[in-house]
Protein backbone atom coordinates (compact mmCIF):
# COMPACT_ATOMS: atom_id res chain seq x y z
CA MET A 1 -24.12 6.86 -35.59
CA SER A 2 -25.09 7.28 -39.27
CA PHE A 3 -27.34 4.85 -41.15
CA ILE A 4 -24.54 4.18 -43.66
CA LYS A 5 -22.19 3.23 -40.82
CA TYR A 6 -24.90 1.01 -39.39
CA LEU A 7 -25.40 -0.77 -42.74
CA SER A 8 -21.63 -1.21 -42.99
CA ASP A 9 -21.66 -2.96 -39.64
CA LYS A 10 -24.51 -5.19 -40.84
CA LYS A 11 -22.93 -6.07 -44.19
CA TYR A 12 -22.56 -9.78 -43.39
CA LEU A 13 -26.19 -10.02 -42.30
CA ILE A 14 -27.31 -8.26 -45.53
CA LEU A 15 -25.15 -10.58 -47.66
CA PHE A 16 -26.56 -13.61 -45.87
CA TYR A 17 -30.13 -12.34 -46.43
CA CYS A 18 -29.49 -11.79 -50.16
CA PHE A 19 -27.94 -15.25 -50.52
CA LEU A 20 -30.87 -16.83 -48.67
CA MET A 21 -33.51 -15.06 -50.82
CA VAL A 22 -31.72 -16.01 -54.04
CA PHE A 23 -31.55 -19.62 -52.89
CA ILE A 24 -35.27 -19.69 -51.94
CA SER A 25 -36.28 -18.00 -55.20
CA LEU A 26 -34.30 -20.52 -57.28
CA VAL A 27 -35.79 -23.46 -55.40
CA ILE A 28 -39.34 -22.16 -55.87
CA SER A 29 -38.79 -21.27 -59.55
CA LEU A 30 -37.02 -24.45 -60.63
CA ASP A 31 -38.96 -27.04 -58.65
CA ASP A 32 -41.95 -28.36 -60.67
CA LEU A 33 -43.85 -29.22 -57.51
CA PHE A 34 -44.39 -25.51 -56.66
CA ASN A 35 -45.48 -24.32 -60.14
CA VAL A 36 -45.09 -20.63 -59.07
CA LYS A 37 -45.03 -17.79 -61.57
CA ILE A 38 -42.02 -15.46 -61.73
CA ASP A 39 -44.26 -12.51 -60.76
CA ASN A 40 -45.08 -14.24 -57.51
CA VAL A 41 -41.40 -14.88 -56.81
CA ILE A 42 -40.62 -11.21 -57.39
CA TYR A 43 -43.52 -10.20 -55.15
CA LEU A 44 -42.25 -12.58 -52.42
CA ASN A 45 -38.78 -11.05 -52.63
CA MET A 46 -40.16 -7.50 -52.50
CA VAL A 47 -42.29 -8.21 -49.42
CA SER A 48 -39.38 -9.96 -47.70
CA ALA A 49 -37.11 -7.02 -48.52
CA VAL A 50 -39.63 -4.57 -47.03
CA PHE A 51 -39.86 -6.58 -43.82
CA PHE A 52 -36.06 -6.88 -43.66
CA LEU A 53 -35.61 -3.13 -44.21
CA CYS A 54 -38.20 -2.43 -41.49
CA TYR A 55 -36.23 -4.66 -39.13
CA LEU A 56 -32.99 -2.85 -39.98
CA ALA A 57 -34.64 0.56 -39.55
CA ILE A 58 -36.13 -0.31 -36.15
CA GLU A 59 -32.87 -1.79 -34.89
CA TYR A 60 -30.99 1.25 -36.22
CA LEU A 61 -33.27 3.65 -34.33
CA LEU A 62 -32.88 1.67 -31.11
CA GLN A 63 -29.12 1.49 -31.43
CA LYS A 64 -28.84 5.12 -32.48
CA ARG A 65 -30.70 6.20 -29.35
CA TYR A 66 -28.45 3.97 -27.22
CA TYR A 67 -25.16 5.07 -28.78
CA THR A 68 -26.19 8.73 -28.73
CA SER A 69 -26.84 8.43 -24.98
CA LEU A 70 -23.52 6.62 -24.61
CA GLU A 71 -21.64 9.39 -26.44
CA GLU A 72 -23.27 12.05 -24.25
CA PHE A 73 -22.36 10.01 -21.16
CA SER A 74 -18.72 9.62 -22.28
CA ARG A 75 -18.28 13.39 -22.55
CA ASP A 76 -19.06 13.82 -18.83
CA TYR A 77 -17.71 10.46 -17.71
CA THR A 78 -16.34 9.87 -14.24
CA SER A 79 -15.94 6.49 -12.58
CA GLU A 80 -18.51 7.51 -9.96
CA LEU A 81 -21.20 7.90 -12.70
CA ILE A 82 -20.67 4.46 -14.26
CA TYR A 83 -24.06 3.27 -12.96
CA LEU A 84 -25.78 5.98 -15.02
CA LEU A 85 -24.97 4.24 -18.31
CA PRO A 86 -27.93 4.01 -20.71
CA THR A 87 -30.01 0.85 -20.37
CA PRO A 88 -28.76 -1.92 -22.70
CA ASN A 89 -31.19 -3.19 -25.33
CA THR A 90 -29.41 -6.42 -26.26
CA HIS A 91 -27.42 -9.12 -24.53
CA GLU A 92 -24.31 -7.93 -26.36
CA GLN A 93 -24.76 -4.42 -24.96
CA TYR A 94 -25.36 -5.91 -21.52
CA LEU A 95 -22.00 -7.74 -21.69
CA TYR A 96 -20.29 -4.49 -22.69
CA HIS A 97 -21.98 -2.81 -19.73
CA GLN A 98 -20.62 -5.41 -17.33
CA LEU A 99 -17.13 -5.01 -18.78
CA LEU A 100 -17.27 -1.21 -18.54
CA ARG A 101 -18.46 -1.36 -14.95
CA LYS A 102 -15.70 -3.77 -13.99
CA LEU A 103 -13.07 -1.55 -15.61
CA ALA A 104 -14.55 1.51 -13.90
CA GLN A 105 -14.48 -0.23 -10.51
CA GLU A 106 -10.83 -1.19 -11.00
CA GLN A 107 -10.01 2.36 -12.06
CA HIS A 108 -11.84 3.71 -9.01
CA SER A 109 -9.94 1.34 -6.72
CA GLN A 110 -6.60 2.35 -8.22
CA LYS A 111 -7.56 6.01 -7.89
CA GLU A 112 -8.48 5.55 -4.22
CA GLU A 113 -5.22 3.70 -3.60
CA LEU A 114 -3.19 6.48 -5.23
CA LEU A 115 -5.04 9.13 -3.21
CA SER A 116 -4.42 7.14 -0.04
CA GLN A 117 -0.71 6.81 -0.84
CA LYS A 118 -0.52 10.52 -1.59
CA LYS A 119 -2.22 11.32 1.71
CA GLU A 120 0.13 8.98 3.60
CA HIS A 121 3.14 10.54 1.88
CA LEU A 122 1.98 14.04 2.77
CA GLU A 123 1.36 13.04 6.38
CA PHE A 124 4.80 11.45 6.56
CA ILE A 125 6.55 14.51 5.12
CA THR A 126 4.65 16.80 7.49
CA SER A 127 5.47 14.77 10.60
CA TRP A 128 9.07 14.18 9.46
CA VAL A 129 9.73 17.89 8.90
CA HIS A 130 8.13 18.68 12.26
CA GLY A 131 10.30 16.07 13.95
CA VAL A 132 13.61 17.00 12.36
CA LYS A 133 13.11 20.67 13.18
CA THR A 134 13.44 19.98 16.92
CA PRO A 135 17.05 18.67 17.02
CA ILE A 136 18.09 21.37 14.54
CA ALA A 137 16.58 24.07 16.78
CA VAL A 138 18.25 22.51 19.85
CA SER A 139 21.60 22.48 18.05
CA ARG A 140 21.23 26.17 17.25
CA LEU A 141 20.40 26.96 20.88
CA ILE A 142 23.43 25.00 22.08
CA LEU A 143 25.69 27.05 19.83
CA GLU A 144 24.07 30.34 20.90
CA ASN A 145 23.84 29.73 24.65
CA HIS A 146 26.93 27.65 25.43
CA LEU A 147 29.71 29.50 23.68
CA GLY A 148 31.40 30.15 27.02
CA LYS A 149 31.40 26.52 28.09
CA LYS A 150 34.03 23.94 27.39
CA GLN A 151 34.27 22.92 23.78
CA ALA A 152 33.97 19.21 24.67
CA GLU A 153 30.59 19.71 26.37
CA VAL A 154 29.23 21.63 23.40
CA LEU A 155 30.48 19.00 20.96
CA ASP A 156 28.93 16.18 23.01
CA SER A 157 25.56 17.93 23.00
CA LEU A 158 25.79 18.58 19.28
CA LYS A 159 26.74 14.97 18.58
CA GLU A 160 23.66 13.81 20.47
CA GLU A 161 21.42 16.07 18.39
CA MET A 162 23.15 14.95 15.19
CA VAL A 163 22.29 11.34 16.06
CA LYS A 164 18.64 12.37 16.37
CA ILE A 165 18.75 14.12 13.00
CA GLU A 166 20.43 11.06 11.48
CA ASN A 167 17.62 8.88 12.84
CA PHE A 168 14.97 11.09 11.22
CA VAL A 169 16.86 10.99 7.92
CA GLU A 170 17.08 7.18 8.13
CA GLN A 171 13.33 6.99 8.79
CA ALA A 172 12.69 8.97 5.60
CA LEU A 173 15.14 6.80 3.65
CA TYR A 174 13.67 3.48 4.81
CA TYR A 175 10.11 4.76 4.36
CA SER A 176 10.89 5.60 0.73
CA ARG A 177 12.34 2.10 0.18
CA ILE A 178 9.42 0.10 1.55
CA ASP A 179 7.79 -0.41 -1.87
CA ALA A 180 11.13 -1.50 -3.39
CA PHE A 181 11.88 -3.85 -0.50
CA ALA A 182 12.04 -6.96 -2.71
CA GLN A 183 14.94 -5.44 -4.67
CA ASP A 184 17.04 -4.45 -1.67
CA TYR A 185 17.48 -7.22 0.87
CA LEU A 186 19.79 -10.18 1.44
CA ILE A 187 18.73 -12.94 3.82
CA LYS A 188 21.59 -14.64 5.65
CA ASP A 189 22.73 -15.63 9.15
CA VAL A 190 23.35 -12.52 11.27
CA GLN A 191 24.87 -12.20 14.77
CA LEU A 192 22.55 -10.26 17.06
CA GLU A 193 25.33 -9.29 19.47
CA ARG A 194 27.30 -7.41 16.83
CA ILE A 195 24.26 -5.44 15.65
CA ILE A 196 23.15 -4.52 19.17
CA LYS A 197 26.60 -3.37 20.27
CA GLU A 198 26.98 -1.20 17.15
CA ILE A 199 23.67 0.52 17.93
CA ILE A 200 24.61 1.04 21.60
CA LYS A 201 27.94 2.54 20.56
CA LYS A 202 26.15 4.91 18.19
CA HIS A 203 23.87 6.14 21.01
CA ALA A 204 26.54 6.03 23.71
CA LYS A 205 26.33 9.79 24.38
CA THR A 206 22.62 9.56 25.15
CA PHE A 207 23.17 6.61 27.49
CA ILE A 208 25.91 8.56 29.31
CA ASN A 209 24.09 11.91 29.46
CA LYS A 210 20.88 10.36 30.81
CA ARG A 211 22.88 7.89 32.98
CA ILE A 212 20.84 5.00 31.63
CA LYS A 213 22.20 1.55 32.44
CA ILE A 214 22.23 -0.99 29.60
CA GLU A 215 22.20 -4.70 30.48
CA LEU A 216 22.85 -7.38 27.86
CA LYS A 217 21.91 -11.03 28.46
CA LYS A 218 22.39 -14.04 26.20
CA ILE A 219 22.54 -12.00 22.99
CA ASN A 220 25.24 -14.16 21.41
CA LEU A 221 22.77 -15.75 19.02
CA THR A 222 22.46 -16.00 15.23
CA VAL A 223 19.22 -15.31 13.32
CA THR A 224 18.27 -15.55 9.66
CA THR A 225 17.49 -12.05 8.38
CA ASP A 226 18.79 -9.03 6.49
CA LYS A 227 21.38 -7.19 8.59
CA LYS A 228 20.71 -3.67 7.31
CA TRP A 229 16.94 -3.77 7.76
CA LEU A 230 17.16 -5.54 11.14
CA THR A 231 19.64 -2.93 12.37
CA PHE A 232 17.14 -0.22 11.54
CA ILE A 233 14.33 -2.10 13.33
CA ILE A 234 16.31 -2.65 16.53
CA GLU A 235 17.58 0.94 16.47
CA GLN A 236 14.02 2.30 16.32
CA ILE A 237 13.10 0.25 19.39
CA ILE A 238 16.20 1.29 21.37
CA ASN A 239 15.69 4.88 20.25
CA ASN A 240 12.16 4.79 21.69
CA SER A 241 13.43 3.30 24.94
CA LEU A 242 16.02 6.06 25.29
CA LYS A 243 13.46 8.73 24.51
CA TYR A 244 10.88 7.60 27.08
CA THR A 245 13.22 6.37 29.85
CA GLN A 246 14.04 8.91 32.53
CA GLU A 247 17.52 9.61 33.90
CA ASN A 248 19.11 6.77 35.88
CA GLY A 249 16.83 4.37 34.05
CA HIS A 250 17.54 0.82 32.95
CA ILE A 251 17.29 -1.00 29.60
CA LEU A 252 17.54 -4.79 29.41
CA ILE A 253 18.17 -6.66 26.16
CA ASP A 254 17.70 -10.42 26.31
CA THR A 255 16.92 -13.36 24.02
CA ILE A 256 14.72 -16.41 24.40
CA LYS A 257 15.35 -19.42 22.17
CA GLU A 258 12.55 -21.94 21.71
CA GLN A 259 11.79 -24.75 19.28
CA ARG A 260 9.68 -22.67 16.91
CA GLU A 261 11.23 -19.24 17.29
CA THR A 262 13.92 -17.02 18.76
CA ARG A 263 12.79 -13.84 20.52
CA LEU A 264 14.79 -10.68 21.10
CA VAL A 265 13.27 -8.76 24.02
CA ILE A 266 14.10 -5.11 24.72
CA THR A 267 12.69 -3.89 28.04
CA ASP A 268 12.98 -0.49 29.71
CA ASN A 269 11.70 0.90 33.00
CA GLY A 270 10.54 4.11 31.38
CA ILE A 271 7.20 5.88 31.51
CA GLY A 272 5.34 2.98 29.89
CA ILE A 273 2.29 3.17 27.65
CA LYS A 274 -1.31 3.73 28.66
CA LEU A 275 -3.63 0.78 28.09
CA ALA A 276 -5.81 2.80 25.70
CA ASP A 277 -2.78 3.47 23.47
CA LEU A 278 -1.15 0.03 23.64
CA GLY A 279 -3.11 -1.50 20.76
CA ARG A 280 -2.29 1.36 18.38
CA VAL A 281 1.44 1.95 18.86
CA PHE A 282 2.29 0.26 15.54
CA GLU A 283 -0.13 2.42 13.54
CA LYS A 284 1.40 4.97 11.19
CA GLY A 285 1.55 8.44 12.68
CA PHE A 286 0.07 7.40 16.04
CA THR A 287 1.87 9.17 18.90
CA GLY A 288 -0.55 8.57 21.77
CA TYR A 289 -0.43 10.25 25.15
CA ASN A 290 3.35 9.97 25.49
CA GLY A 291 3.98 11.26 21.99
CA ARG A 292 1.90 14.34 22.62
CA GLN A 293 4.17 15.16 25.56
CA GLU A 294 7.24 14.73 23.35
CA ASP A 295 7.54 17.43 20.65
CA SER A 296 9.88 15.39 18.44
CA SER A 297 7.62 12.33 18.28
CA THR A 298 6.45 11.46 14.76
CA GLY A 299 4.73 8.11 15.36
CA LEU A 300 6.75 6.54 12.54
CA GLY A 301 9.54 4.62 14.27
CA LEU A 302 7.52 1.65 15.53
CA TYR A 303 5.26 1.73 12.45
CA LEU A 304 8.28 1.29 10.16
CA ALA A 305 9.83 -1.29 12.49
CA LYS A 306 6.65 -3.40 12.46
CA LYS A 307 6.14 -3.13 8.71
CA LEU A 308 9.74 -3.97 7.85
CA ALA A 309 9.79 -6.84 10.35
CA ARG A 310 6.77 -8.38 8.64
CA ARG A 311 8.45 -7.95 5.26
CA LEU A 312 11.44 -9.90 6.62
CA GLY A 313 9.21 -12.69 7.90
CA HIS A 314 9.56 -11.60 11.55
CA ASP A 315 7.05 -9.95 13.83
CA LEU A 316 6.88 -7.39 16.64
CA SER A 317 4.81 -7.50 19.80
CA ILE A 318 4.62 -5.13 22.75
CA ASP A 319 3.77 -5.32 26.42
CA SER A 320 3.70 -2.33 28.74
CA LYS A 321 2.37 -0.96 32.01
CA TYR A 322 2.03 2.76 32.41
CA GLN A 323 4.66 4.36 34.68
CA GLU A 324 6.43 1.00 35.08
CA TYR A 325 7.90 -0.60 31.97
CA THR A 326 7.72 -1.23 28.22
CA SER A 327 8.84 -4.47 26.60
CA ILE A 328 9.05 -4.93 22.81
CA THR A 329 9.77 -8.36 21.35
CA ILE A 330 11.09 -9.21 17.89
CA HIS A 331 10.01 -12.73 16.88
CA PHE A 332 12.38 -14.66 14.59
CA PRO A 333 10.80 -17.92 13.33
CA ASN A 334 13.30 -20.76 13.17
CA LEU A 335 14.43 -21.86 9.72
CA PRO A 336 11.77 -24.59 9.07
CA ASP A 337 9.03 -22.01 9.77
CA TYR A 338 10.73 -19.01 8.19
CA PHE A 339 9.57 -19.60 4.63
CA GLN A 340 6.00 -20.19 5.83
CA VAL A 341 6.00 -16.80 7.58
CA THR A 342 7.47 -14.92 4.61
CA LYS A 343 4.59 -16.14 2.42
CA MET A 344 2.03 -14.42 4.67
C-alpha cells in the first residue's frame, strides 16, 4: 500500500481539514474581538498542518503493516487458517474480520458437504458395482454349466438373474434422482393392490423357485402418493424379504387403516435381524450380520426406501426377531395430516 494510494483514500478527510482551517483562519482574521496578526494565523495553520501530517503518517504506517500482513496471508490462504488473520487496529477492520471469518466458515461448510457427497457417491458406486457383479457372474455360470439342460430351465434362471440386475440398475437410477426429487414426482390417489400385484408378477420366478408363499390381505386400499416412487419403495422391501427368506417360506402383505394413518405391513418368516443391527438397517451402506453372509448385499435398498418415503411424506419402521420374522411398515398419513408431514 503506497502513501499516494493512502492519501487518495483519505482525500475527503484532507479536503474537510483544509476547509475547516480556512474557515477558522477567516474567523480569527476578520473578527475584531481576536485582534490576531496574520503571522500568528499562518503559524497556527503550519502547526496544525504538522500535527495533521503526523496523524496521517502514523495511521499510514499502522495500516501499511496491517495490509502487508493481510497480503502475505492471502497468498497462502486456506479456510482453515482464517483465524490467523492479522490483528485489526480499528473497528472498521474488526467488522471486515468478522465478515471474512463468516464467509470462510460458510466456504468450509460447503467444502465439507461436497467432500461428504463425493465420499458417499464413491461408496455407492463401489457397493453397486460389487453387487451387480454377482448376478452377472451367476448368469455366466448358468450359460457355461447348464448347456445340456432344457432351454426353459436355463431361461428361467437367467430371467431371475436379470431381475436382480434390473433392481441394481434401478437403485442407481433412483439414487441419482434423489437431489432432483422435487422436479420428478406427482402426488395423487394410488391403488396399493395394483402396485403390489405388479411387483409380485415381476418377481414371480423367485417366488416359484424358492417355493415362497405370498399372502395378500385387505390391500384394496387407496393412498395419496407418487406411484413410481412408491413402487420402488415397496419393491425394495419385497426384494429384501425374498432375499432373506428361506425356501418354503411365507410373506404376508396386509394393511391397517386408522384415523390418522394407513399402514402397509410386509412380514416374512425369514432369518430375521439381530437386535444389534435393527437400529441401523436404514443407514446407507449398512449390511449388518445378514448382509455379510450375502455377497450381493449393498446396504442401499432400505436406505433408499426410507429416504424416498420421507420425501413423499411417508415413513418406514421395522420390527424383527432373529431367526423368526421381519416386519417392515410403510406409514401413510391420512390427507389432513399429509401436508404437515411433508413439511418436516
